[in-house]
């Protein structure tokens, strides 16, 4: 699929030339490459769009927030990154997908205070997943299964 851009050149308010430009829908811009390279540099870590924006600001790279969101959505649609949509008004977080960072075989824990997303490999939860399938004919989607609570760091800081 291609996107068509139309440019109308004017002289003294009168059209003198019309240019049509086409580019593929997945056109690889410098900013898209920068977002993907940054995500790749994080390995499998999860980041929000705000964290990506701060990274670019710290490096002196000017990229608008809407541009970051647009590239994140396209990269997720292309299967280059994974998007975790968090309910309750929290920002979505994103994870680079590499062969080493495949994320399908475990559950996730989300801290409601700091927003950290933790990967959890747990035999007991694997048994629950198996039980749901064998006894209730229900297959759980581990990628979308998130347990909400408070991480150890936030629980400790709340105790003081």
C-alpha atoms as a PDB file:
ATOM      1  CA  UNK A   1       0.000   0.000   0.000  1.00  0.00           C
ATOM      2  CA  UNK A   2       1.304   3.458  -0.844  1.00  0.00           C
ATOM      3  CA  UNK A   3       0.564   6.876   0.553  1.00  0.00           C
ATOM      4  CA  UNK A   4       0.150   9.672  -1.994  1.00  0.00           C
ATOM      5  CA  UNK A   5       1.189  13.211  -1.181  1.00  0.00           C
ATOM      6  CA  UNK A   6      -0.013  16.089  -3.322  1.00  0.00           C
ATOM      7  CA  UNK A   7       1.969  19.319  -3.394  1.00  0.00           C
ATOM      8  CA  UNK A   8       0.554  22.386  -5.130  1.00  0.00           C
ATOM      9  CA  UNK A   9       3.147  25.011  -5.948  1.00  0.00           C
ATOM     10  CA  UNK A  10       1.800  28.509  -6.214  1.00  0.00           C
ATOM     11  CA  UNK A  11       3.093  31.815  -7.499  1.00  0.00           C
ATOM     12  CA  UNK A  12       1.305  34.968  -6.383  1.00  0.00           C
ATOM     13  CA  UNK A  13      -1.537  32.798  -5.076  1.00  0.00           C
ATOM     14  CA  UNK A  14      -2.116  30.996  -8.383  1.00  0.00           C
ATOM     15  CA  UNK A  15      -1.313  27.283  -8.874  1.00  0.00           C
ATOM     16  CA  UNK A  16       1.577  26.764 -11.254  1.00  0.00           C
ATOM     17  CA  UNK A  17       2.447  23.116 -10.716  1.00  0.00           C
ATOM     18  CA  UNK A  18       1.027  20.062  -9.004  1.00  0.00           C
ATOM     19  CA  UNK A  19       3.379  17.334  -7.818  1.00  0.00           C
ATOM     20  CA  UNK A  20       2.312  13.841  -6.847  1.00  0.00           C
ATOM     21  CA  UNK A  21       4.643  11.813  -4.659  1.00  0.00           C
ATOM     22  CA  UNK A  22       4.089   8.263  -3.530  1.00  0.00           C
ATOM     23  CA  UNK A  23       5.897   6.372  -0.863  1.00  0.00           C
ATOM     24  CA  UNK A  24       5.310   2.955   0.637  1.00  0.00           C
ATOM     25  CA  UNK A  25       3.162   2.810   3.788  1.00  0.00           C
ATOM     26  CA  UNK A  26       6.095   1.359   5.740  1.00  0.00           C
ATOM     27  CA  UNK A  27       8.547   4.026   4.575  1.00  0.00           C
ATOM     28  CA  UNK A  28      11.575   3.885   6.871  1.00  0.00           C
ATOM     29  CA  UNK A  29      12.263   7.403   8.096  1.00  0.00           C
ATOM     30  CA  UNK A  30      15.252   8.479  10.159  1.00  0.00           C
ATOM     31  CA  UNK A  31      13.015   8.946  13.207  1.00  0.00           C
ATOM     32  CA  UNK A  32      11.467   5.494  12.799  1.00  0.00           C
ATOM     33  CA  UNK A  33      14.971   3.997  12.649  1.00  0.00           C
ATOM     34  CA  UNK A  34      15.959   5.960  15.751  1.00  0.00           C
ATOM     35  CA  UNK A  35      12.952   4.688  17.705  1.00  0.00           C
ATOM     36  CA  UNK A  36      13.611   1.089  16.610  1.00  0.00           C
ATOM     37  CA  UNK A  37      17.349   1.358  17.362  1.00  0.00           C
ATOM     38  CA  UNK A  38      16.616   2.729  20.833  1.00  0.00           C
ATOM     39  CA  UNK A  39      14.084  -0.038  21.513  1.00  0.00           C
ATOM     40  CA  UNK A  40      16.605  -2.621  20.282  1.00  0.00           C
ATOM     41  CA  UNK A  41      19.310  -1.205  22.572  1.00  0.00           C
ATOM     42  CA  UNK A  42      17.072  -1.919  25.572  1.00  0.00           C
ATOM     43  CA  UNK A  43      16.941  -5.645  24.864  1.00  0.00           C
ATOM     44  CA  UNK A  44      13.655  -6.865  26.290  1.00  0.00           C
ATOM     45  CA  UNK A  45      13.079  -3.968  28.706  1.00  0.00           C
ATOM     46  CA  UNK A  46       9.694  -2.266  28.699  1.00  0.00           C
ATOM     47  CA  UNK A  47       9.412   1.480  28.129  1.00  0.00           C
ATOM     48  CA  UNK A  48       6.643   4.013  27.742  1.00  0.00           C
ATOM     49  CA  UNK A  49       6.408   6.643  25.023  1.00  0.00           C
ATOM     50  CA  UNK A  50       7.286   9.270  27.660  1.00  0.00           C
ATOM     51  CA  UNK A  51      10.495   7.420  28.514  1.00  0.00           C
ATOM     52  CA  UNK A  52      11.398   7.259  24.824  1.00  0.00           C
ATOM     53  CA  UNK A  53      10.701  10.993  24.507  1.00  0.00           C
ATOM     54  CA  UNK A  54      12.962  11.739  27.513  1.00  0.00           C
ATOM     55  CA  UNK A  55      15.726   9.608  25.975  1.00  0.00           C
ATOM     56  CA  UNK A  56      15.631  11.607  22.741  1.00  0.00           C
ATOM     57  CA  UNK A  57      15.436  14.922  24.614  1.00  0.00           C
ATOM     58  CA  UNK A  58      18.484  13.936  26.701  1.00  0.00           C
ATOM     59  CA  UNK A  59      20.349  13.173  23.447  1.00  0.00           C
ATOM     60  CA  UNK A  60      19.281  16.503  21.938  1.00  0.00           C
ATOM     61  CA  UNK A  61      17.127  14.812  19.277  1.00  0.00           C
ATOM     62  CA  UNK A  62      13.924  16.674  18.501  1.00  0.00           C
ATOM     63  CA  UNK A  63      11.066  14.243  17.976  1.00  0.00           C
ATOM     64  CA  UNK A  64       7.453  15.092  18.732  1.00  0.00           C
ATOM     65  CA  UNK A  65       5.364  12.885  20.995  1.00  0.00           C
ATOM     66  CA  UNK A  66       2.796  12.245  18.246  1.00  0.00           C
ATOM     67  CA  UNK A  67       5.636  11.098  15.963  1.00  0.00           C
ATOM     68  CA  UNK A  68       6.846   8.682  18.637  1.00  0.00           C
ATOM     69  CA  UNK A  69       3.341   7.258  19.118  1.00  0.00           C
ATOM     70  CA  UNK A  70       2.854   6.927  15.352  1.00  0.00           C
ATOM     71  CA  UNK A  71       6.134   5.018  14.953  1.00  0.00           C
ATOM     72  CA  UNK A  72       5.423   2.819  17.973  1.00  0.00           C
ATOM     73  CA  UNK A  73       2.023   1.873  16.561  1.00  0.00           C
ATOM     74  CA  UNK A  74       3.528   1.067  13.152  1.00  0.00           C
ATOM     75  CA  UNK A  75       6.383  -0.927  14.667  1.00  0.00           C
ATOM     76  CA  UNK A  76       3.892  -2.893  16.768  1.00  0.00           C
ATOM     77  CA  UNK A  77       1.735  -3.553  13.691  1.00  0.00           C
ATOM     78  CA  UNK A  78       4.863  -4.727  11.833  1.00  0.00           C
ATOM     79  CA  UNK A  79       5.723  -7.142  14.671  1.00  0.00           C
ATOM     80  CA  UNK A  80       9.001  -5.388  15.538  1.00  0.00           C
ATOM     81  CA  UNK A  81       7.860  -4.385  19.032  1.00  0.00           C
ATOM     82  CA  UNK A  82       5.135  -5.537  21.388  1.00  0.00           C
ATOM     83  CA  UNK A  83       2.615  -3.155  22.927  1.00  0.00           C
ATOM     84  CA  UNK A  84       1.192  -3.780  26.376  1.00  0.00           C
ATOM     85  CA  UNK A  85      -1.968  -1.740  26.804  1.00  0.00           C
ATOM     86  CA  UNK A  86      -2.380  -1.127  30.493  1.00  0.00           C
ATOM     87  CA  UNK A  87      -5.855  -0.435  31.832  1.00  0.00           C
ATOM     88  CA  UNK A  88      -6.723   2.162  34.434  1.00  0.00           C
ATOM     89  CA  UNK A  89      -5.323   5.176  32.612  1.00  0.00           C
ATOM     90  CA  UNK A  90      -1.674   4.146  32.786  1.00  0.00           C
ATOM     91  CA  UNK A  91       0.443   4.611  29.700  1.00  0.00           C
ATOM     92  CA  UNK A  92       1.003   1.633  27.453  1.00  0.00           C
ATOM     93  CA  UNK A  93       4.465   0.181  27.492  1.00  0.00           C
ATOM     94  CA  UNK A  94       6.445  -1.263  24.621  1.00  0.00           C
ATOM     95  CA  UNK A  95       9.029  -4.013  24.282  1.00  0.00           C
ATOM     96  CA  UNK A  96      11.463  -4.762  21.468  1.00  0.00           C
ATOM     97  CA  UNK A  97      10.978  -8.249  20.041  1.00  0.00           C
ATOM     98  CA  UNK A  98      14.151 -10.124  19.255  1.00  0.00           C
ATOM     99  CA  UNK A  99      14.682 -13.852  19.063  1.00  0.00           C
ATOM    100  CA  UNK A 100      16.115 -13.688  22.587  1.00  0.00           C
ATOM    101  CA  UNK A 101      13.207 -11.602  23.900  1.00  0.00           C
ATOM    102  CA  UNK A 102      10.259 -13.754  22.847  1.00  0.00           C
ATOM    103  CA  UNK A 103       7.666 -13.186  25.483  1.00  0.00           C
ATOM    104  CA  UNK A 104       5.033 -15.857  25.055  1.00  0.00           C
ATOM    105  CA  UNK A 105       5.873 -18.400  27.724  1.00  0.00           C
ATOM    106  CA  UNK A 106       5.193 -16.550  30.940  1.00  0.00           C
ATOM    107  CA  UNK A 107       2.821 -14.277  32.813  1.00  0.00           C
ATOM    108  CA  UNK A 108       3.236 -10.614  33.699  1.00  0.00           C
ATOM    109  CA  UNK A 109       3.017  -8.657  36.932  1.00  0.00           C
ATOM    110  CA  UNK A 110       2.308  -4.918  36.792  1.00  0.00           C
ATOM    111  CA  UNK A 111       3.086  -2.613  39.695  1.00  0.00           C
ATOM    112  CA  UNK A 112       0.196  -0.175  40.080  1.00  0.00           C
ATOM    113  CA  UNK A 113       2.486   2.401  41.727  1.00  0.00           C
ATOM    114  CA  UNK A 114       5.613   2.620  39.574  1.00  0.00           C
ATOM    115  CA  UNK A 115       4.346   0.859  36.432  1.00  0.00           C
ATOM    116  CA  UNK A 116       7.132  -1.709  36.206  1.00  0.00           C
ATOM    117  CA  UNK A 117       6.162  -4.789  34.193  1.00  0.00           C
ATOM    118  CA  UNK A 118       7.715  -7.991  35.512  1.00  0.00           C
ATOM    119  CA  UNK A 119       7.992 -11.272  33.588  1.00  0.00           C
ATOM    120  CA  UNK A 120       6.982 -14.189  35.770  1.00  0.00           C
ATOM    121  CA  UNK A 121       7.829 -17.835  35.198  1.00  0.00           C
ATOM    122  CA  UNK A 122       5.880 -19.790  37.804  1.00  0.00           C
ATOM    123  CA  UNK A 123       5.084 -23.503  37.820  1.00  0.00           C
ATOM    124  CA  UNK A 124       1.910 -22.956  39.855  1.00  0.00           C
ATOM    125  CA  UNK A 125       0.516 -20.530  37.267  1.00  0.00           C
ATOM    126  CA  UNK A 126       1.494 -22.982  34.518  1.00  0.00           C
ATOM    127  CA  UNK A 127      -0.659 -25.549  36.338  1.00  0.00           C
ATOM    128  CA  UNK A 128      -3.564 -23.073  36.419  1.00  0.00           C
ATOM    129  CA  UNK A 129      -3.164 -22.478  32.702  1.00  0.00           C
ATOM    130  CA  UNK A 130      -3.221 -26.252  32.077  1.00  0.00           C
ATOM    131  CA  UNK A 131      -6.215 -26.698  34.378  1.00  0.00           C
ATOM    132  CA  UNK A 132      -8.201 -23.995  32.560  1.00  0.00           C
ATOM    133  CA  UNK A 133      -7.561 -25.729  29.258  1.00  0.00           C
ATOM    134  CA  UNK A 134      -8.165 -29.335  30.342  1.00  0.00           C
ATOM    135  CA  UNK A 135     -11.057 -28.789  32.758  1.00  0.00           C
ATOM    136  CA  UNK A 136     -12.778 -25.727  31.317  1.00  0.00           C
ATOM    137  CA  UNK A 137     -11.751 -25.860  27.650  1.00  0.00           C
ATOM    138  CA  UNK A 138     -10.433 -22.301  27.938  1.00  0.00           C
ATOM    139  CA  UNK A 139      -7.051 -21.315  26.562  1.00  0.00           C
ATOM    140  CA  UNK A 140      -5.448 -18.452  28.423  1.00  0.00           C
ATOM    141  CA  UNK A 141      -3.520 -15.829  26.428  1.00  0.00           C
ATOM    142  CA  UNK A 142      -0.372 -15.409  28.492  1.00  0.00           C
ATOM    143  CA  UNK A 143       0.691 -12.298  26.561  1.00  0.00           C
ATOM    144  CA  UNK A 144      -2.448 -10.495  27.685  1.00  0.00           C
ATOM    145  CA  UNK A 145      -2.657 -11.900  31.192  1.00  0.00           C
ATOM    146  CA  UNK A 146      -1.431  -9.335  33.690  1.00  0.00           C
ATOM    147  CA  UNK A 147      -1.608  -9.539  37.472  1.00  0.00           C
ATOM    148  CA  UNK A 148      -1.878  -6.146  39.177  1.00  0.00           C
ATOM    149  CA  UNK A 149      -0.375  -5.275  42.541  1.00  0.00           C
ATOM    150  CA  UNK A 150       2.660  -3.620  44.109  1.00  0.00           C
ATOM    151  CA  UNK A 151       6.280  -4.542  43.479  1.00  0.00           C
ATOM    152  CA  UNK A 152       8.700  -5.168  46.325  1.00  0.00           C
ATOM    153  CA  UNK A 153      10.364  -1.754  45.930  1.00  0.00           C
ATOM    154  CA  UNK A 154       7.061   0.150  46.141  1.00  0.00           C
ATOM    155  CA  UNK A 155       5.835  -1.942  49.096  1.00  0.00           C
ATOM    156  CA  UNK A 156       9.066  -1.219  50.975  1.00  0.00           C
ATOM    157  CA  UNK A 157       8.967   2.523  50.206  1.00  0.00           C
ATOM    158  CA  UNK A 158       5.296   2.684  51.338  1.00  0.00           C
ATOM    159  CA  UNK A 159       6.262   1.101  54.671  1.00  0.00           C
ATOM    160  CA  UNK A 160       8.405   4.104  55.603  1.00  0.00           C
END
